[in-house]
N, C-alpha and C. Protein backbone atom coordinates (compact mmCIF):
# COMPACT_ATOMS: atom_id res chain seq x y z
N UNK A 1 -34.87 -24.79 18.57
CA UNK A 1 -34.51 -23.74 18.56
C UNK A 1 -34.60 -22.74 17.51
N UNK A 2 -35.53 -21.63 17.45
CA UNK A 2 -35.95 -21.22 15.66
C UNK A 2 -34.45 -20.41 15.99
N UNK A 3 -34.04 -19.97 14.05
CA UNK A 3 -33.25 -19.10 14.53
C UNK A 3 -33.89 -18.34 13.26
N UNK A 4 -32.81 -16.73 13.66
CA UNK A 4 -33.40 -15.68 12.97
C UNK A 4 -32.51 -15.30 12.21
N UNK A 5 -32.77 -14.50 10.95
CA UNK A 5 -31.55 -14.28 9.76
C UNK A 5 -30.90 -13.35 10.35
N UNK A 6 -29.37 -13.14 10.33
CA UNK A 6 -29.24 -11.97 10.46
C UNK A 6 -28.38 -11.41 9.45
N UNK A 7 -28.80 -10.01 9.80
CA UNK A 7 -28.83 -8.96 8.45
C UNK A 7 -28.38 -7.63 8.79
N UNK A 8 -27.31 -7.31 7.99
CA UNK A 8 -26.97 -6.08 7.60
C UNK A 8 -27.74 -4.83 8.02
N UNK A 9 -26.75 -3.90 8.30
CA UNK A 9 -27.42 -2.75 8.68
C UNK A 9 -27.87 -1.84 6.82
N UNK A 10 -28.57 -1.03 7.00
CA UNK A 10 -28.99 -0.45 5.99
C UNK A 10 -27.86 0.04 4.85
N UNK A 11 -27.52 0.26 4.38
CA UNK A 11 -26.29 0.81 2.97
C UNK A 11 -24.46 0.12 3.59
N UNK A 12 -25.06 -0.81 4.63
CA UNK A 12 -23.54 -1.71 5.35
C UNK A 12 -23.26 -2.37 3.92
N UNK A 13 -22.10 -2.79 3.78
CA UNK A 13 -21.58 -4.40 3.25
C UNK A 13 -20.38 -5.28 3.82
N UNK A 14 -21.09 -6.37 3.60
CA UNK A 14 -20.43 -7.25 4.60
C UNK A 14 -18.46 -6.98 4.92
N UNK A 15 -17.85 -6.34 3.62
CA UNK A 15 -16.89 -6.12 3.66
C UNK A 15 -16.32 -4.92 4.36
N UNK A 16 -17.79 -4.29 4.72
CA UNK A 16 -17.16 -3.13 5.72
C UNK A 16 -17.12 -4.01 8.01
N UNK A 17 -17.15 -5.06 6.89
CA UNK A 17 -17.29 -5.93 8.68
C UNK A 17 -15.99 -7.25 8.68
N UNK A 18 -15.73 -7.64 7.39
CA UNK A 18 -14.79 -8.39 7.36
C UNK A 18 -13.85 -9.00 6.13
N UNK A 19 -12.93 -9.86 6.36
CA UNK A 19 -12.23 -9.48 5.33
C UNK A 19 -11.33 -11.30 4.97
N UNK A 20 -10.48 -10.89 4.32
CA UNK A 20 -10.03 -12.19 3.44
C UNK A 20 -8.76 -13.09 4.45
N UNK A 21 -8.41 -11.93 5.66
CA UNK A 21 -7.41 -12.23 6.53
C UNK A 21 -8.09 -12.78 7.88
N UNK A 22 -9.51 -12.80 8.30
CA UNK A 22 -10.39 -13.59 8.94
C UNK A 22 -10.14 -15.01 8.54
N UNK A 23 -10.38 -14.85 6.55
CA UNK A 23 -10.42 -16.49 6.35
C UNK A 23 -8.63 -16.86 6.42
N UNK A 24 -8.32 -16.09 6.16
CA UNK A 24 -6.10 -16.91 6.43
C UNK A 24 -6.25 -17.45 8.10
N UNK A 25 -6.98 -16.52 8.97
CA UNK A 25 -6.86 -16.65 10.36
C UNK A 25 -7.25 -17.96 10.31
N UNK A 26 -8.14 -18.17 9.76
CA UNK A 26 -8.49 -19.80 10.50
C UNK A 26 -8.00 -21.18 8.90
N UNK A 27 -7.12 -20.70 8.12
CA UNK A 27 -7.01 -21.21 7.02
C UNK A 27 -5.39 -20.93 7.00
N UNK A 28 -4.21 -21.09 7.61
CA UNK A 28 -3.06 -20.77 7.31
C UNK A 28 -2.64 -20.90 6.08
N UNK A 29 -1.74 -19.74 6.09
CA UNK A 29 -0.81 -19.70 4.27
C UNK A 29 -0.22 -21.45 4.57
N UNK A 30 0.73 -21.99 5.75
CA UNK A 30 1.66 -22.87 5.98
C UNK A 30 0.88 -24.01 5.70
N UNK A 31 -0.38 -24.15 5.44
CA UNK A 31 -1.54 -25.38 4.60
C UNK A 31 -1.97 -25.47 3.54
N UNK A 32 -2.19 -23.82 2.91
CA UNK A 32 -2.70 -23.84 1.38
C UNK A 32 -0.96 -23.52 1.02
N UNK A 33 -0.15 -23.43 1.02
CA UNK A 33 1.21 -23.81 -0.35
C UNK A 33 1.37 -25.11 -0.18
N UNK A 34 1.94 -25.93 0.83
CA UNK A 34 1.34 -27.34 0.59
C UNK A 34 0.31 -28.68 -0.27
N UNK A 35 -0.67 -28.11 -0.19
CA UNK A 35 -2.08 -28.57 -0.70
C UNK A 35 -1.79 -27.59 -2.54
N UNK A 36 -1.48 -27.07 -2.56
CA UNK A 36 -1.48 -25.98 -3.59
C UNK A 36 -0.23 -27.11 -4.54
N UNK A 37 0.60 -27.24 -4.41
CA UNK A 37 1.96 -27.81 -4.53
C UNK A 37 1.43 -29.28 -4.59
N UNK A 38 0.80 -30.04 -3.71
CA UNK A 38 0.55 -31.21 -3.64
C UNK A 38 -0.28 -31.78 -5.05
N UNK A 39 -1.33 -31.14 -5.16
CA UNK A 39 -2.30 -30.73 -6.22
C UNK A 39 -2.26 -30.27 -7.78
N UNK A 40 -0.54 -29.67 -7.73
CA UNK A 40 -0.28 -28.96 -8.50
C UNK A 40 -0.70 -28.08 -9.01
N UNK A 41 -1.38 -27.10 -8.39
CA UNK A 41 -2.33 -25.74 -8.91
C UNK A 41 -1.39 -24.44 -7.85
N UNK A 42 -0.65 -24.59 -7.88
CA UNK A 42 0.38 -23.70 -7.30
C UNK A 42 0.86 -22.38 -7.95
N UNK A 43 1.16 -21.06 -7.75
CA UNK A 43 1.50 -20.24 -9.25
C UNK A 43 2.33 -20.58 -9.67
N UNK A 44 2.52 -20.53 -10.90
CA UNK A 44 3.90 -20.85 -11.53
C UNK A 44 4.59 -19.48 -12.21
N UNK A 45 3.92 -18.52 -12.01
CA UNK A 45 4.44 -16.78 -12.83
C UNK A 45 3.90 -16.45 -11.75
N UNK A 46 4.00 -14.70 -11.25
CA UNK A 46 4.12 -13.69 -10.54
C UNK A 46 2.31 -13.55 -11.06
N UNK A 47 1.33 -13.10 -10.34
CA UNK A 47 0.25 -12.57 -11.22
C UNK A 47 -0.31 -11.84 -10.40
N UNK A 48 -1.61 -10.63 -10.74
CA UNK A 48 -2.20 -10.46 -10.46
C UNK A 48 -3.02 -11.04 -8.92
N UNK A 49 -3.45 -11.97 -8.82
CA UNK A 49 -4.27 -12.42 -8.07
C UNK A 49 -3.62 -14.16 -7.98
N UNK A 50 -2.96 -14.54 -7.08
CA UNK A 50 -2.22 -15.83 -6.97
C UNK A 50 -3.14 -16.51 -6.35
N UNK A 51 -2.75 -18.29 -7.08
CA UNK A 51 -3.44 -18.97 -6.64
C UNK A 51 -4.36 -19.64 -4.94
N UNK A 52 -3.18 -18.77 -4.01
CA UNK A 52 -3.47 -18.85 -2.53
C UNK A 52 -4.34 -17.68 -2.46
N UNK A 53 -4.89 -16.30 -2.59
CA UNK A 53 -5.09 -15.91 -3.08
C UNK A 53 -6.63 -15.82 -3.28
N UNK A 54 -7.05 -16.83 -4.33
CA UNK A 54 -7.88 -17.40 -5.05
C UNK A 54 -8.48 -18.36 -3.93
N UNK A 55 -8.06 -19.15 -3.53
CA UNK A 55 -8.32 -20.24 -2.44
C UNK A 55 -9.36 -19.87 -1.56
N UNK A 56 -7.98 -18.55 -0.72
CA UNK A 56 -8.88 -17.60 0.54
C UNK A 56 -10.28 -17.16 -0.02
N UNK A 57 -10.20 -16.43 -1.48
CA UNK A 57 -11.74 -15.97 -1.71
C UNK A 57 -13.24 -17.11 -2.47
N UNK A 58 -12.41 -17.90 -2.70
CA UNK A 58 -13.72 -19.55 -2.96
C UNK A 58 -13.78 -19.82 -1.53
N UNK A 59 -13.01 -20.32 -0.72
CA UNK A 59 -13.42 -20.35 0.75
C UNK A 59 -14.37 -19.27 1.44
N UNK A 60 -14.03 -18.17 1.10
CA UNK A 60 -15.17 -16.91 1.87
C UNK A 60 -16.46 -16.68 1.04
N UNK A 61 -16.10 -17.14 -0.45
CA UNK A 61 -17.80 -17.54 -0.89
C UNK A 61 -18.32 -18.20 -0.28
N UNK A 62 -17.57 -19.89 0.01
CA UNK A 62 -18.30 -20.32 0.54
C UNK A 62 -18.77 -20.22 1.81
N UNK A 63 -18.05 -19.64 2.66
CA UNK A 63 -18.82 -19.66 3.88
C UNK A 63 -19.96 -18.65 4.26
N UNK A 64 -19.98 -17.62 3.22
CA UNK A 64 -20.27 -16.66 2.75
C UNK A 64 -21.58 -16.31 1.86
N UNK A 65 -21.98 -17.45 1.40
CA UNK A 65 -23.12 -17.99 0.65
C UNK A 65 -24.42 -17.00 0.15
N UNK A 66 -25.04 -16.75 1.60
CA UNK A 66 -26.06 -16.32 1.54
C UNK A 66 -25.76 -14.51 1.26
N UNK A 67 -24.93 -14.77 0.92
CA UNK A 67 -24.35 -12.47 1.09
C UNK A 67 -24.24 -12.43 -0.14
N UNK A 68 -24.14 -11.25 -0.47
CA UNK A 68 -24.41 -11.13 -1.91
C UNK A 68 -23.34 -10.99 -2.39
N UNK A 69 -22.33 -10.66 -3.41
CA UNK A 69 -20.52 -11.61 -3.40
C UNK A 69 -20.58 -9.70 -4.91
N UNK A 70 -21.31 -9.22 -4.94
CA UNK A 70 -21.31 -8.00 -5.61
C UNK A 70 -20.73 -6.82 -5.62
């Protein structure tokens, strides 16, 4: 079966349709925090971009790598 490339409408951005909340629904914080802790990568200080948010961001980049992240 042939696949067709999905495209957004002219002037649309992916962020108009999806947010990191969608990724969080598939990868709950209750799974992310113990994994960060076990690997020694949890945030030790309060930062603008905590470690768990970086996990969601990188996951989204991997899921939507065909879309520009500009």
